[in-house]
PDB file of all heavy atoms in Angstrom:
ATOM      1  N   GLU A   1     109.547  90.223 107.859  1.00  0.00           N
ATOM      2  CA  GLU A   1     108.775  89.509 106.851  1.00  0.00           C
ATOM      3  C   GLU A   1     107.430  89.057 107.407  1.00  0.00           C
ATOM      4  O   GLU A   1     106.404  89.095 106.706  1.00  0.00           O
ATOM      5  CB  GLU A   1     109.575  88.307 106.338  1.00  0.00           C
ATOM      6  CG  GLU A   1     108.844  87.403 105.354  1.00  0.00           C
ATOM      7  CD  GLU A   1     108.442  88.089 104.040  1.00  0.00           C
ATOM      8  OE1 GLU A   1     108.841  89.246 103.796  1.00  0.00           O
ATOM      9  OE2 GLU A   1     107.709  87.451 103.260  1.00  0.00           O
ATOM     10  N   LEU A   2     107.398  88.661 108.665  1.00  0.00           N
ATOM     11  CA  LEU A   2     106.145  88.243 109.276  1.00  0.00           C
ATOM     12  C   LEU A   2     105.160  89.409 109.337  1.00  0.00           C
ATOM     13  O   LEU A   2     103.973  89.258 109.017  1.00  0.00           O
ATOM     14  CB  LEU A   2     106.415  87.696 110.680  1.00  0.00           C
ATOM     15  CG  LEU A   2     105.265  87.011 111.407  1.00  0.00           C
ATOM     16  CD1 LEU A   2     104.682  85.879 110.578  1.00  0.00           C
ATOM     17  CD2 LEU A   2     105.754  86.476 112.759  1.00  0.00           C
ATOM     18  N   VAL A   3     105.654  90.585 109.736  1.00  0.00           N
ATOM     19  CA  VAL A   3     104.798  91.789 109.736  1.00  0.00           C
ATOM     20  C   VAL A   3     104.300  92.073 108.327  1.00  0.00           C
ATOM     21  O   VAL A   3     103.115  92.367 108.116  1.00  0.00           O
ATOM     22  CB  VAL A   3     105.575  93.000 110.295  1.00  0.00           C
ATOM     23  CG1 VAL A   3     104.808  94.302 110.027  1.00  0.00           C
ATOM     24  CG2 VAL A   3     105.814  92.844 111.792  1.00  0.00           C
ATOM     25  N   ARG A   4     105.185  91.972 107.343  1.00  0.00           N
ATOM     26  CA  ARG A   4     104.798  92.253 105.953  1.00  0.00           C
ATOM     27  C   ARG A   4     103.699  91.302 105.484  1.00  0.00           C
ATOM     28  O   ARG A   4     102.743  91.714 104.803  1.00  0.00           O
ATOM     29  CB  ARG A   4     106.028  92.131 105.031  1.00  0.00           C
ATOM     30  CG  ARG A   4     105.773  92.615 103.600  1.00  0.00           C
ATOM     31  CD  ARG A   4     106.706  91.960 102.608  1.00  0.00           C
ATOM     32  NE  ARG A   4     106.523  90.511 102.553  1.00  0.00           N
ATOM     33  CZ  ARG A   4     105.545  89.905 101.893  1.00  0.00           C
ATOM     34  NH1 ARG A   4     104.621  90.620 101.238  1.00  0.00           N
ATOM     35  NH2 ARG A   4     105.440  88.587 101.890  1.00  0.00           N
ATOM     36  N   ILE A   5     103.807  90.035 105.863  1.00  0.00           N
ATOM     37  CA  ILE A   5     102.805  89.042 105.461  1.00  0.00           C
ATOM     38  C   ILE A   5     101.434  89.406 106.040  1.00  0.00           C
ATOM     39  O   ILE A   5     100.407  89.318 105.347  1.00  0.00           O
ATOM     40  CB  ILE A   5     103.253  87.634 105.907  1.00  0.00           C
ATOM     41  CG1 ILE A   5     104.423  87.161 105.034  1.00  0.00           C
ATOM     42  CG2 ILE A   5     102.101  86.639 105.825  1.00  0.00           C
ATOM     43  CD1 ILE A   5     105.143  85.935 105.586  1.00  0.00           C
ATOM     44  N   VAL A   6     101.399  89.812 107.311  1.00  0.00           N
ATOM     45  CA  VAL A   6     100.131  90.210 107.938  1.00  0.00           C
ATOM     46  C   VAL A   6      99.559  91.442 107.228  1.00  0.00           C
ATOM     47  O   VAL A   6      98.363  91.487 106.905  1.00  0.00           O
ATOM     48  CB  VAL A   6     100.312  90.486 109.439  1.00  0.00           C
ATOM     49  CG1 VAL A   6      98.985  90.945 110.059  1.00  0.00           C
ATOM     50  CG2 VAL A   6     100.836  89.247 110.172  1.00  0.00           C
ATOM     51  N   LEU A   7     100.410  92.439 106.980  1.00  0.00           N
ATOM     52  CA  LEU A   7      99.948  93.661 106.308  1.00  0.00           C
ATOM     53  C   LEU A   7      99.444  93.354 104.902  1.00  0.00           C
ATOM     54  O   LEU A   7      98.427  93.909 104.456  1.00  0.00           O
ATOM     55  CB  LEU A   7     101.085  94.696 106.249  1.00  0.00           C
ATOM     56  CG  LEU A   7     101.617  95.217 107.591  1.00  0.00           C
ATOM     57  CD1 LEU A   7     102.732  96.225 107.352  1.00  0.00           C
ATOM     58  CD2 LEU A   7     100.500  95.832 108.435  1.00  0.00           C
ATOM     59  N   ALA A   8     100.146  92.473 104.186  1.00  0.00           N
ATOM     60  CA  ALA A   8      99.717  92.110 102.827  1.00  0.00           C
ATOM     61  C   ALA A   8      98.362  91.414 102.849  1.00  0.00           C
ATOM     62  O   ALA A   8      97.501  91.662 101.994  1.00  0.00           O
ATOM     63  CB  ALA A   8     100.771  91.217 102.172  1.00  0.00           C
ATOM     64  N   SER A   9      98.149  90.550 103.856  1.00  0.00           N
ATOM     65  CA  SER A   9      96.872  89.854 103.983  1.00  0.00           C
ATOM     66  C   SER A   9      95.737  90.843 104.242  1.00  0.00           C
ATOM     67  O   SER A   9      94.657  90.755 103.628  1.00  0.00           O
ATOM     68  CB  SER A   9      96.960  88.823 105.111  1.00  0.00           C
ATOM     69  OG  SER A   9      95.707  88.216 105.337  1.00  0.00           O
ATOM     70  N   LEU A  10      95.977  91.790 105.156  1.00  0.00           N
ATOM     71  CA  LEU A  10      94.946  92.805 105.455  1.00  0.00           C
ATOM     72  C   LEU A  10      94.668  93.672 104.236  1.00  0.00           C
ATOM     73  O   LEU A  10      93.520  94.067 103.990  1.00  0.00           O
ATOM     74  CB  LEU A  10      95.406  93.672 106.631  1.00  0.00           C
ATOM     75  CG  LEU A  10      95.570  92.974 107.982  1.00  0.00           C
ATOM     76  CD1 LEU A  10      96.124  93.950 109.018  1.00  0.00           C
ATOM     77  CD2 LEU A  10      94.242  92.394 108.465  1.00  0.00           C
ATOM     78  N   THR A  11      95.700  93.950 103.460  1.00  0.00           N
ATOM     79  CA  THR A  11      95.530  94.765 102.249  1.00  0.00           C
ATOM     80  C   THR A  11      94.680  94.024 101.221  1.00  0.00           C
ATOM     81  O   THR A  11      93.750  94.584 100.629  1.00  0.00           O
ATOM     82  CB  THR A  11      96.904  95.102 101.643  1.00  0.00           C
ATOM     83  OG1 THR A  11      97.681  95.824 102.606  1.00  0.00           O
ATOM     84  CG2 THR A  11      96.759  95.952 100.395  1.00  0.00           C
ATOM     85  N   LYS A  12      94.986  92.767 101.016  1.00  0.00           N
ATOM     86  CA  LYS A  12      94.252  91.968 100.025  1.00  0.00           C
ATOM     87  C   LYS A  12      92.792  91.807 100.400  1.00  0.00           C
ATOM     88  O   LYS A  12      91.932  91.632  99.535  1.00  0.00           O
ATOM     89  CB  LYS A  12      94.919  90.597  99.872  1.00  0.00           C
ATOM     90  CG  LYS A  12      96.270  90.657  99.155  1.00  0.00           C
ATOM     91  CD  LYS A  12      97.004  89.326  99.237  1.00  0.00           C
ATOM     92  CE  LYS A  12      98.409  89.430  98.655  1.00  0.00           C
ATOM     93  NZ  LYS A  12      99.187  88.199  98.870  1.00  0.00           N
ATOM     94  N   GLU A  13      92.499  91.873 101.703  1.00  0.00           N
ATOM     95  CA  GLU A  13      91.115  91.725 102.151  1.00  0.00           C
ATOM     96  C   GLU A  13      90.411  93.071 102.304  1.00  0.00           C
ATOM     97  O   GLU A  13      89.318  93.140 102.862  1.00  0.00           O
ATOM     98  CB  GLU A  13      91.078  90.942 103.466  1.00  0.00           C
ATOM     99  CG  GLU A  13      91.567  89.501 103.291  1.00  0.00           C
ATOM    100  CD  GLU A  13      91.222  88.624 104.481  1.00  0.00           C
ATOM    101  OE1 GLU A  13      90.281  88.968 105.226  1.00  0.00           O
ATOM    102  OE2 GLU A  13      91.885  87.585 104.666  1.00  0.00           O
ATOM    103  N   GLY A  14      91.078  94.125 101.834  1.00  0.00           N
ATOM    104  CA  GLY A  14      90.438  95.443 101.801  1.00  0.00           C
ATOM    105  C   GLY A  14      90.333  96.143 103.136  1.00  0.00           C
ATOM    106  O   GLY A  14      89.485  97.028 103.319  1.00  0.00           O
ATOM    107  N   MET A  15      91.192  95.778 104.085  1.00  0.00           N
ATOM    108  CA  MET A  15      91.155  96.404 105.409  1.00  0.00           C
ATOM    109  C   MET A  15      92.280  97.396 105.628  1.00  0.00           C
ATOM    110  O   MET A  15      92.358  98.039 106.670  1.00  0.00           O
ATOM    111  CB  MET A  15      91.206  95.319 106.494  1.00  0.00           C
ATOM    112  CG  MET A  15      89.936  94.488 106.589  1.00  0.00           C
ATOM    113  SD  MET A  15      90.019  93.274 107.933  1.00  0.00           S
ATOM    114  CE  MET A  15      90.524  91.823 107.043  1.00  0.00           C
ATOM    115  N   LEU A  16      93.190  97.522 104.652  1.00  0.00           N
ATOM    116  CA  LEU A  16      94.367  98.368 104.810  1.00  0.00           C
ATOM    117  C   LEU A  16      94.749  98.972 103.460  1.00  0.00           C
ATOM    118  O   LEU A  16      94.590  98.319 102.420  1.00  0.00           O
ATOM    119  CB  LEU A  16      95.527  97.521 105.368  1.00  0.00           C
ATOM    120  CG  LEU A  16      96.849  98.209 105.672  1.00  0.00           C
ATOM    121  CD1 LEU A  16      96.694  99.269 106.761  1.00  0.00           C
ATOM    122  CD2 LEU A  16      97.900  97.170 106.098  1.00  0.00           C
ATOM    123  N   PHE A  17      95.225 100.199 103.484  1.00  0.00           N
ATOM    124  CA  PHE A  17      95.675 100.904 102.271  1.00  0.00           C
ATOM    125  C   PHE A  17      94.585 100.901 101.195  1.00  0.00           C
ATOM    126  O   PHE A  17      94.797 100.477 100.062  1.00  0.00           O
ATOM    127  CB  PHE A  17      96.954 100.269 101.711  1.00  0.00           C
ATOM    128  CG  PHE A  17      98.073 100.124 102.715  1.00  0.00           C
ATOM    129  CD1 PHE A  17      98.848  98.958 102.750  1.00  0.00           C
ATOM    130  CD2 PHE A  17      98.349 101.136 103.621  1.00  0.00           C
ATOM    131  CE1 PHE A  17      99.876  98.823 103.675  1.00  0.00           C
ATOM    132  CE2 PHE A  17      99.381 101.007 104.553  1.00  0.00           C
ATOM    133  CZ  PHE A  17     100.138  99.844 104.575  1.00  0.00           C
ATOM    134  N   THR A  18      93.418 101.396 101.569  1.00  0.00           N
ATOM    135  CA  THR A  18      92.268 101.377 100.643  1.00  0.00           C
ATOM    136  C   THR A  18      92.066 102.712  99.937  1.00  0.00           C
ATOM    137  O   THR A  18      91.083 102.897  99.232  1.00  0.00           O
ATOM    138  CB  THR A  18      90.976 101.023 101.415  1.00  0.00           C
ATOM    139  OG1 THR A  18      90.808 101.946 102.499  1.00  0.00           O
ATOM    140  CG2 THR A  18      91.052  99.595 101.950  1.00  0.00           C
ATOM    141  N   GLY A  19      92.979 103.662 100.123  1.00  0.00           N
ATOM    142  CA  GLY A  19      92.847 104.972  99.483  1.00  0.00           C
ATOM    143  C   GLY A  19      93.200 104.916  98.012  1.00  0.00           C
ATOM    144  O   GLY A  19      93.294 103.844  97.401  1.00  0.00           O
ATOM    145  N   ASP A  20      93.424 106.082  97.431  1.00  0.00           N
ATOM    146  CA  ASP A  20      93.702 106.180  95.992  1.00  0.00           C
ATOM    147  C   ASP A  20      95.184 105.977  95.696  1.00  0.00           C
ATOM    148  O   ASP A  20      95.814 106.755  94.978  1.00  0.00           O
ATOM    149  CB  ASP A  20      93.254 107.556  95.468  1.00  0.00           C
ATOM    150  CG  ASP A  20      91.762 107.756  95.604  1.00  0.00           C
ATOM    151  OD1 ASP A  20      91.030 106.751  95.526  1.00  0.00           O
ATOM    152  OD2 ASP A  20      91.351 108.905  95.811  1.00  0.00           O
ATOM    153  N   HIS A  21      95.734 104.947  96.251  1.00  0.00           N
ATOM    154  CA  HIS A  21      97.144 104.665  95.991  1.00  0.00           C
ATOM    155  C   HIS A  21      97.360 103.159  96.068  1.00  0.00           C
ATOM    156  O   HIS A  21      96.600 102.435  96.704  1.00  0.00           O
ATOM    157  CB  HIS A  21      98.048 105.379  97.007  1.00  0.00           C
ATOM    158  CG  HIS A  21      97.640 105.123  98.433  1.00  0.00           C
ATOM    159  ND1 HIS A  21      96.818 105.974  99.123  1.00  0.00           N
ATOM    160  CD2 HIS A  21      97.937 104.105  99.281  1.00  0.00           C
ATOM    161  CE1 HIS A  21      96.616 105.491 100.342  1.00  0.00           C
ATOM    162  NE2 HIS A  21      97.283 104.359 100.450  1.00  0.00           N
ATOM    163  N   HIS A  22      98.389 102.689  95.400  1.00  0.00           N
ATOM    164  CA  HIS A  22      98.667 101.256  95.360  1.00  0.00           C
ATOM    165  C   HIS A  22      99.655 100.914  96.466  1.00  0.00           C
ATOM    166  O   HIS A  22     100.602 101.662  96.712  1.00  0.00           O
ATOM    167  CB  HIS A  22      99.246 100.871  93.991  1.00  0.00           C
ATOM    168  CG  HIS A  22      99.299  99.395  93.768  1.00  0.00           C
ATOM    169  ND1 HIS A  22     100.384  98.641  94.150  1.00  0.00           N
ATOM    170  CD2 HIS A  22      98.393  98.536  93.241  1.00  0.00           C
ATOM    171  CE1 HIS A  22     100.143  97.367  93.846  1.00  0.00           C
ATOM    172  NE2 HIS A  22      98.957  97.280  93.294  1.00  0.00           N
ATOM    173  N   PRO A  23      99.444  99.770  97.156  1.00  0.00           N
ATOM    174  CA  PRO A  23     100.351  99.399  98.237  1.00  0.00           C
ATOM    175  C   PRO A  23     101.764  99.063  97.776  1.00  0.00           C
ATOM    176  O   PRO A  23     102.658  98.882  98.583  1.00  0.00           O
ATOM    177  CB  PRO A  23      99.676  98.186  98.874  1.00  0.00           C
ATOM    178  CG  PRO A  23      98.777  97.640  97.824  1.00  0.00           C
ATOM    179  CD  PRO A  23      98.309  98.820  97.035  1.00  0.00           C
ATOM    180  N   GLY A  24     101.979  98.948  96.476  1.00  0.00           N
ATOM    181  CA  GLY A  24     103.318  98.833  95.919  1.00  0.00           C
ATOM    182  C   GLY A  24     104.109  97.650  96.428  1.00  0.00           C
ATOM    183  O   GLY A  24     103.586  96.565  96.669  1.00  0.00           O
TER     184      GLY A  24
END
């Protein structure tokens, strides 16, 4: 869960999973 929280934060700030797909 801690890893997921970090990944979600990076995603919301546009640093991760920025391609033509939704992080789901």
